[in-house]
Amino acid sequence: MLSRGPRYDQGMGMENPVGSSSRAGEPVFRSLALEAIPEPDYADVIVVPCRQSATSDPRAWADTVFSRSAMPRWVLALMALRQQLVGLAGIPKAPADVFAVSRVAGEEALITAEDRHLDFSCGVAFDAASHLLRVTTAVRLKGWRGRLYFVPVRVLHPLVLRAMMLRAARVLARN
């Protein structure tokens, strides 16, 4: 997990952290999620291996990872609980299309949501050469409601997202 990570040079297309060089052969990390929220209060990257027969379409991966029909039951239960509890903190319930893909660029699909308590950005990418699914999450918290809301989310998010990714990998491997 990353808190207040490096600033990225948006003028360089998110190619390099500000102040670093870009020599040929050096690993470079890019994500549309960090382009949308370049200085997050919270960020993480979760990677899971996938079968070789899986699709390489990032929109299909994003749609499947965040599909209610592909979510484990315990994740659905947590999502339902979230919808019931957020009103207590004055946070609106999430709309049905909160995880809709807003943009696809290359091998990554971007999902964004802006609300009065936080901004959320999620890049779902599939590396066809290594058969790895990568989800990058970036969050900007707004006010006390956002900080309060994010206390349990910070703990549960990696567990929930990894379970969703593994389920999506199984679903897409069958197709």
Foldseek 3Di string as FASTA:
>chain_A
DDAQDAAADVVVVSFDGPPDDDDPPDDTDDFVQCNVVVGFRDKDKDKDAFDLQFDQAQQLLLCQLPPPVLFDPVLVVVLVVCQVPLVVLVFHGQDPCQSHFPDDDDQWTWGWDDDQFKIKIKIWGADNVRRMIMIMIGMHGHPPSNVVSCPVCVVCVVVRSVRSSVSSSVVRSVD
